Each structure stands twice: as C-alpha cells, then as structure tokens.
Amino acid sequence: QVQLVESGGGLVQPGGSLELSCAASGFTFRRYSVQWYRQTPRKEREFVATISGDGGTASIINSVKGRFTISRDNGKNTVYLQMTSLRTEDTGVYYCNANEWWGQGTQVTVSS
C-alpha cells in the first residue's frame, strides 16, 4: 500500500524556520520525482517545489526561491522541505506528491 506521510508543520513567527518531511512507503521511491504543493487560504493548491528521483535536479517557485530548499534521502525514503524566513503568506497546508499519490498534508501557520 502506497503511503506518503507529511510531518513537521506547526505555528511559527514571521522570519522563523520549519523543516517538513515526507516519508514514503509502498513503492520504489528512488524511481519517482516528488513534489511539494501547498493550499493557502487565498489560492487553489499551488506547486512549490520538485526534486528528481536521484535528487540531482530540483526546482522551486520564484516566490520561495532563496528561502525554501527541497532535498531527499533515498536511503530513508524521505523528502524534505527546509523553509526559512517564513512569511505570513506561506501559511497553508503543505502536501507531498509522487505520481498520482498524495499525502494527507501538514499545516504550516506563520503568525505573530
């Protein structure tokens, strides 16, 4: 059974940092690129970042470039999203995705 389980969300003040994790199981993890999306109060689900199966290629949207970093550890079947200099507009539910599979999401709230 395929599972993607996000964790690491929470409440943080503007300027703070969080690291999200996406733990995968039930498929050959290294063969798939993995994406992070977010659902914010103002927008439909928005693509944030992607990383290739071997971790050699990654891309990220302009609005978080320089603040967010995507990485993966294929030995742990886990993808990470390191988020720094967080802003209130980064608030939302963050989801990871691989192929047609989705996790349940983790809430990130940036507020003073």
PDB file of N, CA and C in Angstrom:
ATOM      1  N   GLN A   1       0.859  -1.197   0.000  1.00  0.00           N
ATOM      2  CA  GLN A   1       0.000   0.000   0.000  1.00  0.00           C
ATOM      3  C   GLN A   1       0.895   1.247   0.000  1.00  0.00           C
ATOM      4  N   VAL A   2       0.629   2.124  -0.955  1.00  0.00           N
ATOM      5  CA  VAL A   2       1.420   3.346  -1.049  1.00  0.00           C
ATOM      6  C   VAL A   2       1.004   4.333   0.032  1.00  0.00           C
ATOM      7  N   GLN A   3       2.002   4.898   0.698  1.00  0.00           N
ATOM      8  CA  GLN A   3       1.732   5.946   1.688  1.00  0.00           C
ATOM      9  C   GLN A   3       2.750   7.067   1.553  1.00  0.00           C
ATOM     10  N   LEU A   4       2.247   8.277   1.669  1.00  0.00           N
ATOM     11  CA  LEU A   4       3.081   9.467   1.808  1.00  0.00           C
ATOM     12  C   LEU A   4       2.598  10.180   3.065  1.00  0.00           C
ATOM     13  N   VAL A   5       3.498  10.370   4.009  1.00  0.00           N
ATOM     14  CA  VAL A   5       3.109  10.937   5.298  1.00  0.00           C
ATOM     15  C   VAL A   5       3.960  12.175   5.570  1.00  0.00           C
ATOM     16  N   GLU A   6       3.283  13.312   5.588  1.00  0.00           N
ATOM     17  CA  GLU A   6       3.979  14.572   5.867  1.00  0.00           C
ATOM     18  C   GLU A   6       4.027  14.830   7.363  1.00  0.00           C
ATOM     19  N   SER A   7       5.059  15.528   7.783  1.00  0.00           N
ATOM     20  CA  SER A   7       5.174  15.934   9.180  1.00  0.00           C
ATOM     21  C   SER A   7       6.053  17.175   9.255  1.00  0.00           C
ATOM     22  N   GLY A   8       6.072  17.805  10.418  1.00  0.00           N
ATOM     23  CA  GLY A   8       6.953  18.942  10.640  1.00  0.00           C
ATOM     24  C   GLY A   8       6.275  20.297  10.611  1.00  0.00           C
ATOM     25  N   GLY A   9       4.991  20.328  10.293  1.00  0.00           N
ATOM     26  CA  GLY A   9       4.300  21.600  10.292  1.00  0.00           C
ATOM     27  C   GLY A   9       4.103  22.135  11.704  1.00  0.00           C
ATOM     28  N   GLY A  10       3.594  23.348  11.776  1.00  0.00           N
ATOM     29  CA  GLY A  10       3.334  23.945  13.077  1.00  0.00           C
ATOM     30  C   GLY A  10       3.139  25.440  12.973  1.00  0.00           C
ATOM     31  N   LEU A  11       3.150  26.071  14.126  1.00  0.00           N
ATOM     32  CA  LEU A  11       2.986  27.521  14.229  1.00  0.00           C
ATOM     33  C   LEU A  11       4.363  28.150  14.417  1.00  0.00           C
ATOM     34  N   VAL A  12       4.672  29.148  13.601  1.00  0.00           N
ATOM     35  CA  VAL A  12       5.973  29.820  13.689  1.00  0.00           C
ATOM     36  C   VAL A  12       5.773  31.300  13.442  1.00  0.00           C
ATOM     37  N   GLN A  13       6.620  32.105  14.045  1.00  0.00           N
ATOM     38  CA  GLN A  13       6.538  33.542  13.838  1.00  0.00           C
ATOM     39  C   GLN A  13       7.150  33.931  12.495  1.00  0.00           C
ATOM     40  N   PRO A  14       6.741  35.049  11.938  1.00  0.00           N
ATOM     41  CA  PRO A  14       7.386  35.527  10.704  1.00  0.00           C
ATOM     42  C   PRO A  14       8.899  35.618  10.894  1.00  0.00           C
ATOM     43  N   GLY A  15       9.604  35.172   9.874  1.00  0.00           N
ATOM     44  CA  GLY A  15      11.061  35.125   9.946  1.00  0.00           C
ATOM     45  C   GLY A  15      11.609  33.823  10.466  1.00  0.00           C
ATOM     46  N   GLY A  16      10.733  32.975  10.974  1.00  0.00           N
ATOM     47  CA  GLY A  16      11.152  31.701  11.527  1.00  0.00           C
ATOM     48  C   GLY A  16      11.369  30.630  10.478  1.00  0.00           C
ATOM     49  N   SER A  17      11.675  29.423  10.958  1.00  0.00           N
ATOM     50  CA  SER A  17      12.002  28.308  10.074  1.00  0.00           C
ATOM     51  C   SER A  17      11.259  27.054  10.494  1.00  0.00           C
ATOM     52  N   LEU A  18      11.019  26.207   9.518  1.00  0.00           N
ATOM     53  CA  LEU A  18      10.461  24.874   9.739  1.00  0.00           C
ATOM     54  C   LEU A  18      11.067  23.938   8.710  1.00  0.00           C
ATOM     55  N   GLU A  19      11.145  22.661   9.064  1.00  0.00           N
ATOM     56  CA  GLU A  19      11.516  21.639   8.084  1.00  0.00           C
ATOM     57  C   GLU A  19      10.399  20.616   8.011  1.00  0.00           C
ATOM     58  N   LEU A  20       9.836  20.494   6.827  1.00  0.00           N
ATOM     59  CA  LEU A  20       8.810  19.491   6.582  1.00  0.00           C
ATOM     60  C   LEU A  20       9.466  18.219   6.066  1.00  0.00           C
ATOM     61  N   SER A  21       8.862  17.088   6.429  1.00  0.00           N
ATOM     62  CA  SER A  21       9.314  15.784   5.942  1.00  0.00           C
ATOM     63  C   SER A  21       8.152  15.076   5.265  1.00  0.00           C
ATOM     64  N   CYS A  22       8.489  14.283   4.283  1.00  0.00           N
ATOM     65  CA  CYS A  22       7.504  13.439   3.603  1.00  0.00           C
ATOM     66  C   CYS A  22       8.095  12.032   3.553  1.00  0.00           C
ATOM     67  N   ALA A  23       7.548  11.149   4.352  1.00  0.00           N
ATOM     68  CA  ALA A  23       8.035   9.770   4.419  1.00  0.00           C
ATOM     69  C   ALA A  23       7.194   8.892   3.512  1.00  0.00           C
ATOM     70  N   ALA A  24       7.861   8.172   2.622  1.00  0.00           N
ATOM     71  CA  ALA A  24       7.166   7.371   1.616  1.00  0.00           C
ATOM     72  C   ALA A  24       7.343   5.881   1.874  1.00  0.00           C
ATOM     73  N   SER A  25       6.345   5.114   1.472  1.00  0.00           N
ATOM     74  CA  SER A  25       6.431   3.658   1.554  1.00  0.00           C
ATOM     75  C   SER A  25       5.503   3.047   0.521  1.00  0.00           C
ATOM     76  N   GLY A  26       5.774   1.793   0.178  1.00  0.00           N
ATOM     77  CA  GLY A  26       4.886   1.062  -0.715  1.00  0.00           C
ATOM     78  C   GLY A  26       5.201   1.176  -2.189  1.00  0.00           C
ATOM     79  N   PHE A  27       6.271   1.859  -2.536  1.00  0.00           N
ATOM     80  CA  PHE A  27       6.683   1.938  -3.940  1.00  0.00           C
ATOM     81  C   PHE A  27       8.187   2.170  -3.981  1.00  0.00           C
ATOM     82  N   THR A  28       8.759   2.026  -5.166  1.00  0.00           N
ATOM     83  CA  THR A  28      10.208   2.185  -5.324  1.00  0.00           C
ATOM     84  C   THR A  28      10.527   3.669  -5.364  1.00  0.00           C
ATOM     85  N   PHE A  29      10.809   4.185  -4.221  1.00  0.00           N
ATOM     86  CA  PHE A  29      10.881   5.625  -4.001  1.00  0.00           C
ATOM     87  C   PHE A  29      11.861   6.305  -4.957  1.00  0.00           C
ATOM     88  N   ARG A  30      13.023   5.746  -5.135  1.00  0.00           N
ATOM     89  CA  ARG A  30      14.068   6.422  -5.903  1.00  0.00           C
ATOM     90  C   ARG A  30      13.721   6.586  -7.379  1.00  0.00           C
ATOM     91  N   ARG A  31      12.710   5.884  -7.842  1.00  0.00           N
ATOM     92  CA  ARG A  31      12.319   5.958  -9.258  1.00  0.00           C
ATOM     93  C   ARG A  31      11.413   7.140  -9.557  1.00  0.00           C
ATOM     94  N   TYR A  32      10.954   7.841  -8.518  1.00  0.00           N
ATOM     95  CA  TYR A  32       9.950   8.874  -8.731  1.00  0.00           C
ATOM     96  C   TYR A  32      10.434  10.247  -8.271  1.00  0.00           C
ATOM     97  N   SER A  33      10.116  11.251  -9.095  1.00  0.00           N
ATOM     98  CA  SER A  33      10.255  12.610  -8.592  1.00  0.00           C
ATOM     99  C   SER A  33       9.179  12.835  -7.535  1.00  0.00           C
ATOM    100  N   VAL A  34       9.440  13.766  -6.656  1.00  0.00           N
ATOM    101  CA  VAL A  34       8.498  14.105  -5.596  1.00  0.00           C
ATOM    102  C   VAL A  34       8.299  15.623  -5.593  1.00  0.00           C
ATOM    103  N   GLN A  35       7.075  15.990  -5.369  1.00  0.00           N
ATOM    104  CA  GLN A  35       6.701  17.404  -5.392  1.00  0.00           C
ATOM    105  C   GLN A  35       6.125  17.822  -4.032  1.00  0.00           C
ATOM    106  N   TRP A  36       6.312  19.071  -3.704  1.00  0.00           N
ATOM    107  CA  TRP A  36       5.585  19.713  -2.603  1.00  0.00           C
ATOM    108  C   TRP A  36       4.597  20.714  -3.210  1.00  0.00           C
ATOM    109  N   TYR A  37       3.377  20.669  -2.702  1.00  0.00           N
ATOM    110  CA  TYR A  37       2.344  21.634  -3.041  1.00  0.00           C
ATOM    111  C   TYR A  37       1.852  22.279  -1.745  1.00  0.00           C
ATOM    112  N   ARG A  38       1.177  23.390  -1.882  1.00  0.00           N
ATOM    113  CA  ARG A  38       0.534  23.977  -0.712  1.00  0.00           C
ATOM    114  C   ARG A  38      -0.842  24.533  -1.075  1.00  0.00           C
ATOM    115  N   GLN A  39      -1.724  24.458  -0.121  1.00  0.00           N
ATOM    116  CA  GLN A  39      -3.070  25.001  -0.243  1.00  0.00           C
ATOM    117  C   GLN A  39      -3.159  26.168   0.719  1.00  0.00           C
ATOM    118  N   THR A  40      -3.174  27.373   0.163  1.00  0.00           N
ATOM    119  CA  THR A  40      -3.238  28.549   1.014  1.00  0.00           C
ATOM    120  C   THR A  40      -4.661  29.086   1.041  1.00  0.00           C
ATOM    121  N   PRO A  41      -4.995  29.917   2.015  1.00  0.00           N
ATOM    122  CA  PRO A  41      -6.363  30.453   2.090  1.00  0.00           C
ATOM    123  C   PRO A  41      -6.772  31.251   0.850  1.00  0.00           C
ATOM    124  N   ARG A  42      -5.816  31.833   0.151  1.00  0.00           N
ATOM    125  CA  ARG A  42      -6.137  32.725  -0.969  1.00  0.00           C
ATOM    126  C   ARG A  42      -6.103  32.048  -2.335  1.00  0.00           C
ATOM    127  N   LYS A  43      -5.460  30.899  -2.405  1.00  0.00           N
ATOM    128  CA  LYS A  43      -5.244  30.306  -3.720  1.00  0.00           C
ATOM    129  C   LYS A  43      -5.666  28.852  -3.742  1.00  0.00           C
ATOM    130  N   GLU A  44      -5.844  28.352  -4.933  1.00  0.00           N
ATOM    131  CA  GLU A  44      -6.003  26.914  -5.111  1.00  0.00           C
ATOM    132  C   GLU A  44      -4.664  26.244  -4.804  1.00  0.00           C
ATOM    133  N   ARG A  45      -4.669  24.934  -4.774  1.00  0.00           N
ATOM    134  CA  ARG A  45      -3.436  24.209  -4.487  1.00  0.00           C
ATOM    135  C   ARG A  45      -2.347  24.656  -5.457  1.00  0.00           C
ATOM    136  N   GLU A  46      -1.219  24.994  -4.896  1.00  0.00           N
ATOM    137  CA  GLU A  46      -0.131  25.622  -5.638  1.00  0.00           C
ATOM    138  C   GLU A  46       1.116  24.753  -5.582  1.00  0.00           C
ATOM    139  N   PHE A  47       1.738  24.536  -6.733  1.00  0.00           N
ATOM    140  CA  PHE A  47       3.009  23.827  -6.781  1.00  0.00           C
ATOM    141  C   PHE A  47       4.081  24.664  -6.092  1.00  0.00           C
ATOM    142  N   VAL A  48       4.940  24.009  -5.305  1.00  0.00           N
ATOM    143  CA  VAL A  48       6.005  24.715  -4.605  1.00  0.00           C
ATOM    144  C   VAL A  48       7.385  24.282  -5.097  1.00  0.00           C
ATOM    145  N   ALA A  49       7.612  22.966  -5.157  1.00  0.00           N
ATOM    146  CA  ALA A  49       8.963  22.505  -5.485  1.00  0.00           C
ATOM    147  C   ALA A  49       8.914  21.066  -5.963  1.00  0.00           C
ATOM    148  N   THR A  50       9.941  20.676  -6.712  1.00  0.00           N
ATOM    149  CA  THR A  50      10.061  19.299  -7.160  1.00  0.00           C
ATOM    150  C   THR A  50      11.509  18.865  -7.108  1.00  0.00           C
ATOM    151  N   ILE A  51      11.711  17.554  -6.957  1.00  0.00           N
ATOM    152  CA  ILE A  51      13.052  17.004  -6.953  1.00  0.00           C
ATOM    153  C   ILE A  51      13.017  15.675  -7.689  1.00  0.00           C
ATOM    154  N   SER A  52      14.024  15.423  -8.494  1.00  0.00           N
ATOM    155  CA  SER A  52      14.070  14.205  -9.283  1.00  0.00           C
ATOM    156  C   SER A  52      14.343  12.985  -8.394  1.00  0.00           C
ATOM    157  N   GLY A  53      14.153  11.818  -8.984  1.00  0.00           N
ATOM    158  CA  GLY A  53      14.300  10.582  -8.225  1.00  0.00           C
ATOM    159  C   GLY A  53      15.670  10.391  -7.604  1.00  0.00           C
ATOM    160  N   ASP A  54      16.696  10.798  -8.334  1.00  0.00           N
ATOM    161  CA  ASP A  54      18.046  10.655  -7.795  1.00  0.00           C
ATOM    162  C   ASP A  54      18.504  11.881  -7.018  1.00  0.00           C
ATOM    163  N   GLY A  55      17.637  12.887  -6.933  1.00  0.00           N
ATOM    164  CA  GLY A  55      17.978  14.094  -6.187  1.00  0.00           C
ATOM    165  C   GLY A  55      18.868  15.059  -6.922  1.00  0.00           C
ATOM    166  N   GLY A  56      19.203  14.745  -8.183  1.00  0.00           N
ATOM    167  CA  GLY A  56      20.157  15.561  -8.903  1.00  0.00           C
ATOM    168  C   GLY A  56      19.583  16.821  -9.510  1.00  0.00           C
ATOM    169  N   THR A  57      18.266  16.846  -9.645  1.00  0.00           N
ATOM    170  CA  THR A  57      17.608  18.013 -10.248  1.00  0.00           C
ATOM    171  C   THR A  57      16.471  18.451  -9.356  1.00  0.00           C
ATOM    172  N   ALA A  58      16.415  19.751  -9.121  1.00  0.00           N
ATOM    173  CA  ALA A  58      15.344  20.294  -8.287  1.00  0.00           C
ATOM    174  C   ALA A  58      14.949  21.656  -8.841  1.00  0.00           C
ATOM    175  N   SER A  59      13.714  22.000  -8.639  1.00  0.00           N
ATOM    176  CA  SER A  59      13.293  23.353  -8.982  1.00  0.00           C
ATOM    177  C   SER A  59      12.253  23.809  -7.969  1.00  0.00           C
ATOM    178  N   ILE A  60      12.112  25.121  -7.887  1.00  0.00           N
ATOM    179  CA  ILE A  60      11.295  25.717  -6.839  1.00  0.00           C
ATOM    180  C   ILE A  60      10.674  26.988  -7.401  1.00  0.00           C
ATOM    181  N   ILE A  61       9.500  27.360  -6.914  1.00  0.00           N
ATOM    182  CA  ILE A  61       8.835  28.537  -7.454  1.00  0.00           C
ATOM    183  C   ILE A  61       9.538  29.816  -6.997  1.00  0.00           C
ATOM    184  N   ASN A  62       9.373  30.849  -7.799  1.00  0.00           N
ATOM    185  CA  ASN A  62      10.100  32.094  -7.547  1.00  0.00           C
ATOM    186  C   ASN A  62       9.761  32.721  -6.202  1.00  0.00           C
ATOM    187  N   SER A  63       8.523  32.574  -5.769  1.00  0.00           N
ATOM    188  CA  SER A  63       8.104  33.270  -4.552  1.00  0.00           C
ATOM    189  C   SER A  63       8.784  32.716  -3.299  1.00  0.00           C
ATOM    190  N   VAL A  64       9.369  31.528  -3.377  1.00  0.00           N
ATOM    191  CA  VAL A  64      10.057  30.957  -2.217  1.00  0.00           C
ATOM    192  C   VAL A  64      11.536  30.723  -2.495  1.00  0.00           C
ATOM    193  N   LYS A  65      11.980  31.058  -3.672  1.00  0.00           N
ATOM    194  CA  LYS A  65      13.383  30.834  -4.028  1.00  0.00           C
ATOM    195  C   LYS A  65      14.282  31.635  -3.088  1.00  0.00           C
ATOM    196  N   GLY A  66      15.332  30.963  -2.629  1.00  0.00           N
ATOM    197  CA  GLY A  66      16.229  31.607  -1.668  1.00  0.00           C
ATOM    198  C   GLY A  66      15.793  31.436  -0.229  1.00  0.00           C
ATOM    199  N   ARG A  67      14.555  30.974  -0.016  1.00  0.00           N
ATOM    200  CA  ARG A  67      14.051  30.746   1.340  1.00  0.00           C
ATOM    201  C   ARG A  67      13.761  29.275   1.602  1.00  0.00           C
ATOM    202  N   PHE A  68      13.294  28.554   0.600  1.00  0.00           N
ATOM    203  CA  PHE A  68      12.944  27.137   0.732  1.00  0.00           C
ATOM    204  C   PHE A  68      13.957  26.292  -0.038  1.00  0.00           C
ATOM    205  N   THR A  69      14.225  25.111   0.491  1.00  0.00           N
ATOM    206  CA  THR A  69      15.105  24.151  -0.174  1.00  0.00           C
ATOM    207  C   THR A  69      14.467  22.774  -0.118  1.00  0.00           C
ATOM    208  N   ILE A  70      14.425  22.107  -1.254  1.00  0.00           N
ATOM    209  CA  ILE A  70      13.914  20.733  -1.300  1.00  0.00           C
ATOM    210  C   ILE A  70      15.102  19.787  -1.392  1.00  0.00           C
ATOM    211  N   SER A  71      15.006  18.679  -0.681  1.00  0.00           N
ATOM    212  CA  SER A  71      16.062  17.668  -0.725  1.00  0.00           C
ATOM    213  C   SER A  71      15.441  16.306  -0.456  1.00  0.00           C
ATOM    214  N   ARG A  72      16.222  15.253  -0.653  1.00  0.00           N
ATOM    215  CA  ARG A  72      15.702  13.909  -0.391  1.00  0.00           C
ATOM    216  C   ARG A  72      16.824  13.012   0.082  1.00  0.00           C
ATOM    217  N   ASP A  73      16.408  11.999   0.816  1.00  0.00           N
ATOM    218  CA  ASP A  73      17.313  10.948   1.282  1.00  0.00           C
ATOM    219  C   ASP A  73      16.702   9.625   0.857  1.00  0.00           C
ATOM    220  N   ASN A  74      17.207   9.059  -0.231  1.00  0.00           N
ATOM    221  CA  ASN A  74      16.611   7.816  -0.742  1.00  0.00           C
ATOM    222  C   ASN A  74      16.865   6.637   0.186  1.00  0.00           C
ATOM    223  N   GLY A  75      17.865   6.729   1.018  1.00  0.00           N
ATOM    224  CA  GLY A  75      18.088   5.672   2.000  1.00  0.00           C
ATOM    225  C   GLY A  75      17.009   5.641   3.069  1.00  0.00           C
ATOM    226  N   LYS A  76      16.369   6.794   3.274  1.00  0.00           N
ATOM    227  CA  LYS A  76      15.299   6.892   4.277  1.00  0.00           C
ATOM    228  C   LYS A  76      13.927   7.040   3.635  1.00  0.00           C
ATOM    229  N   ASN A  77      13.883   6.989   2.281  1.00  0.00           N
ATOM    230  CA  ASN A  77      12.602   7.174   1.575  1.00  0.00           C
ATOM    231  C   ASN A  77      11.887   8.443   2.033  1.00  0.00           C
ATOM    232  N   THR A  78      12.609   9.511   2.135  1.00  0.00           N
ATOM    233  CA  THR A  78      12.060  10.750   2.683  1.00  0.00           C
ATOM    234  C   THR A  78      12.497  11.955   1.850  1.00  0.00           C
ATOM    235  N   VAL A  79      11.555  12.847   1.650  1.00  0.00           N
ATOM    236  CA  VAL A  79      11.829  14.132   1.019  1.00  0.00           C
ATOM    237  C   VAL A  79      11.603  15.220   2.059  1.00  0.00           C
ATOM    238  N   TYR A  80      12.423  16.251   1.986  1.00  0.00           N
ATOM    239  CA  TYR A  80      12.357  17.337   2.953  1.00  0.00           C
ATOM    240  C   TYR A  80      12.075  18.657   2.245  1.00  0.00           C
ATOM    241  N   LEU A  81      11.446  19.567   2.969  1.00  0.00           N
ATOM    242  CA  LEU A  81      11.309  20.942   2.514  1.00  0.00           C
ATOM    243  C   LEU A  81      11.764  21.832   3.668  1.00  0.00           C
ATOM    244  N   GLN A  82      12.959  22.371   3.516  1.00  0.00           N
ATOM    245  CA  GLN A  82      13.507  23.285   4.514  1.00  0.00           C
ATOM    246  C   GLN A  82      12.987  24.681   4.197  1.00  0.00           C
ATOM    247  N   MET A  83      12.315  25.285   5.160  1.00  0.00           N
ATOM    248  CA  MET A  83      11.692  26.591   4.949  1.00  0.00           C
ATOM    249  C   MET A  83      12.273  27.589   5.937  1.00  0.00           C
ATOM    250  N   THR A  84      12.833  28.662   5.427  1.00  0.00           N
ATOM    251  CA  THR A  84      13.387  29.716   6.275  1.00  0.00           C
ATOM    252  C   THR A  84      12.760  31.055   5.912  1.00  0.00           C
ATOM    253  N   SER A  85      13.017  32.055   6.743  1.00  0.00           N
ATOM    254  CA  SER A  85      12.475  33.409   6.517  1.00  0.00           C
ATOM    255  C   SER A  85      10.989  33.353   6.170  1.00  0.00           C
ATOM    256  N   LEU A  86      10.259  32.601   6.941  1.00  0.00           N
ATOM    257  CA  LEU A  86       8.841  32.387   6.646  1.00  0.00           C
ATOM    258  C   LEU A  86       8.040  33.674   6.748  1.00  0.00           C
ATOM    259  N   ARG A  87       7.053  33.771   5.875  1.00  0.00           N
ATOM    260  CA  ARG A  87       6.177  34.931   5.797  1.00  0.00           C
ATOM    261  C   ARG A  87       4.745  34.506   6.058  1.00  0.00           C
ATOM    262  N   THR A  88       3.895  35.447   6.402  1.00  0.00           N
ATOM    263  CA  THR A  88       2.504  35.104   6.674  1.00  0.00           C
ATOM    264  C   THR A  88       1.843  34.476   5.455  1.00  0.00           C
ATOM    265  N   GLU A  89       2.258  34.890   4.277  1.00  0.00           N
ATOM    266  CA  GLU A  89       1.654  34.326   3.053  1.00  0.00           C
ATOM    267  C   GLU A  89       2.093  32.896   2.767  1.00  0.00           C
ATOM    268  N   ASP A  90       3.034  32.368   3.543  1.00  0.00           N
ATOM    269  CA  ASP A  90       3.414  30.958   3.414  1.00  0.00           C
ATOM    270  C   ASP A  90       2.465  30.043   4.183  1.00  0.00           C
ATOM    271  N   THR A  91       1.548  30.636   4.942  1.00  0.00           N
ATOM    272  CA  THR A  91       0.586  29.840   5.699  1.00  0.00           C
ATOM    273  C   THR A  91      -0.254  28.974   4.771  1.00  0.00           C
ATOM    274  N   GLY A  92      -0.433  27.730   5.153  1.00  0.00           N
ATOM    275  CA  GLY A  92      -1.264  26.822   4.370  1.00  0.00           C
ATOM    276  C   GLY A  92      -1.024  25.383   4.769  1.00  0.00           C
ATOM    277  N   VAL A  93      -1.691  24.501   4.063  1.00  0.00           N
ATOM    278  CA  VAL A  93      -1.477  23.069   4.240  1.00  0.00           C
ATOM    279  C   VAL A  93      -0.517  22.606   3.140  1.00  0.00           C
ATOM    280  N   TYR A  94       0.537  21.965   3.541  1.00  0.00           N
ATOM    281  CA  TYR A  94       1.584  21.517   2.622  1.00  0.00           C
ATOM    282  C   TYR A  94       1.436  20.017   2.373  1.00  0.00           C
ATOM    283  N   TYR A  95       1.435  19.667   1.096  1.00  0.00           N
ATOM    284  CA  TYR A  95       1.252  18.279   0.683  1.00  0.00           C
ATOM    285  C   TYR A  95       2.453  17.807  -0.132  1.00  0.00           C
ATOM    286  N   CYS A  96       2.797  16.542   0.016  1.00  0.00           N
ATOM    287  CA  CYS A  96       3.755  15.964  -0.919  1.00  0.00           C
ATOM    288  C   CYS A  96       3.030  15.036  -1.881  1.00  0.00           C
ATOM    289  N   ASN A  97       3.635  14.900  -3.033  1.00  0.00           N
ATOM    290  CA  ASN A  97       3.022  14.161  -4.138  1.00  0.00           C
ATOM    291  C   ASN A  97       4.090  13.413  -4.907  1.00  0.00           C
ATOM    292  N   ALA A  98       3.767  12.185  -5.277  1.00  0.00           N
ATOM    293  CA  ALA A  98       4.601  11.409  -6.186  1.00  0.00           C
ATOM    294  C   ALA A  98       3.661  10.632  -7.083  1.00  0.00           C
ATOM    295  N   ASN A  99       3.894  10.726  -8.378  1.00  0.00           N
ATOM    296  CA  ASN A  99       2.997  10.075  -9.335  1.00  0.00           C
ATOM    297  C   ASN A  99       1.557  10.537  -9.040  1.00  0.00           C
ATOM    298  N   GLU A 100       0.644   9.607  -8.860  1.00  0.00           N
ATOM    299  CA  GLU A 100      -0.724  10.036  -8.546  1.00  0.00           C
ATOM    300  C   GLU A 100      -1.027   9.993  -7.047  1.00  0.00           C
ATOM    301  N   TRP A 101       0.002   9.784  -6.243  1.00  0.00           N
ATOM    302  CA  TRP A 101      -0.194   9.602  -4.801  1.00  0.00           C
ATOM    303  C   TRP A 101       0.019  10.910  -4.053  1.00  0.00           C
ATOM    304  N   TRP A 102      -0.803  11.102  -3.024  1.00  0.00           N
ATOM    305  CA  TRP A 102      -0.751  12.311  -2.215  1.00  0.00           C
ATOM    306  C   TRP A 102      -0.735  11.953  -0.740  1.00  0.00           C
ATOM    307  N   GLY A 103      -0.060  12.781   0.038  1.00  0.00           N
ATOM    308  CA  GLY A 103      -0.152  12.658   1.478  1.00  0.00           C
ATOM    309  C   GLY A 103      -1.366  13.389   2.013  1.00  0.00           C
ATOM    310  N   GLN A 104      -1.534  13.356   3.330  1.00  0.00           N
ATOM    311  CA  GLN A 104      -2.690  13.977   3.963  1.00  0.00           C
ATOM    312  C   GLN A 104      -2.468  15.448   4.265  1.00  0.00           C
ATOM    313  N   GLY A 105      -1.229  15.897   4.173  1.00  0.00           N
ATOM    314  CA  GLY A 105      -0.917  17.306   4.392  1.00  0.00           C
ATOM    315  C   GLY A 105      -0.495  17.612   5.812  1.00  0.00           C
ATOM    316  N   THR A 106       0.267  18.689   5.942  1.00  0.00           N
ATOM    317  CA  THR A 106       0.671  19.177   7.255  1.00  0.00           C
ATOM    318  C   THR A 106       0.478  20.697   7.274  1.00  0.00           C
ATOM    319  N   GLN A 107      -0.112  21.193   8.354  1.00  0.00           N
ATOM    320  CA  GLN A 107      -0.460  22.607   8.446  1.00  0.00           C
ATOM    321  C   GLN A 107       0.753  23.441   8.853  1.00  0.00           C
ATOM    322  N   VAL A 108       0.985  24.499   8.113  1.00  0.00           N
ATOM    323  CA  VAL A 108       2.005  25.489   8.456  1.00  0.00           C
ATOM    324  C   VAL A 108       1.293  26.813   8.687  1.00  0.00           C
ATOM    325  N   THR A 109       1.481  27.388   9.850  1.00  0.00           N
ATOM    326  CA  THR A 109       0.875  28.678  10.159  1.00  0.00           C
ATOM    327  C   THR A 109       1.983  29.642  10.558  1.00  0.00           C
ATOM    328  N   VAL A 110       2.075  30.740   9.815  1.00  0.00           N
ATOM    329  CA  VAL A 110       3.071  31.774  10.097  1.00  0.00           C
ATOM    330  C   VAL A 110       2.324  32.993  10.617  1.00  0.00           C
ATOM    331  N   SER A 111       2.518  33.267  11.881  1.00  0.00           N
ATOM    332  CA  SER A 111       1.756  34.339  12.512  1.00  0.00           C
ATOM    333  C   SER A 111       2.489  34.846  13.741  1.00  0.00           C
ATOM    334  N   SER A 112       2.336  36.141  14.003  1.00  0.00           N
ATOM    335  CA  SER A 112       2.925  36.706  15.207  1.00  0.00           C
ATOM    336  C   SER A 112       1.901  36.689  16.341  1.00  0.00           C
TER     337      SER A 112
END
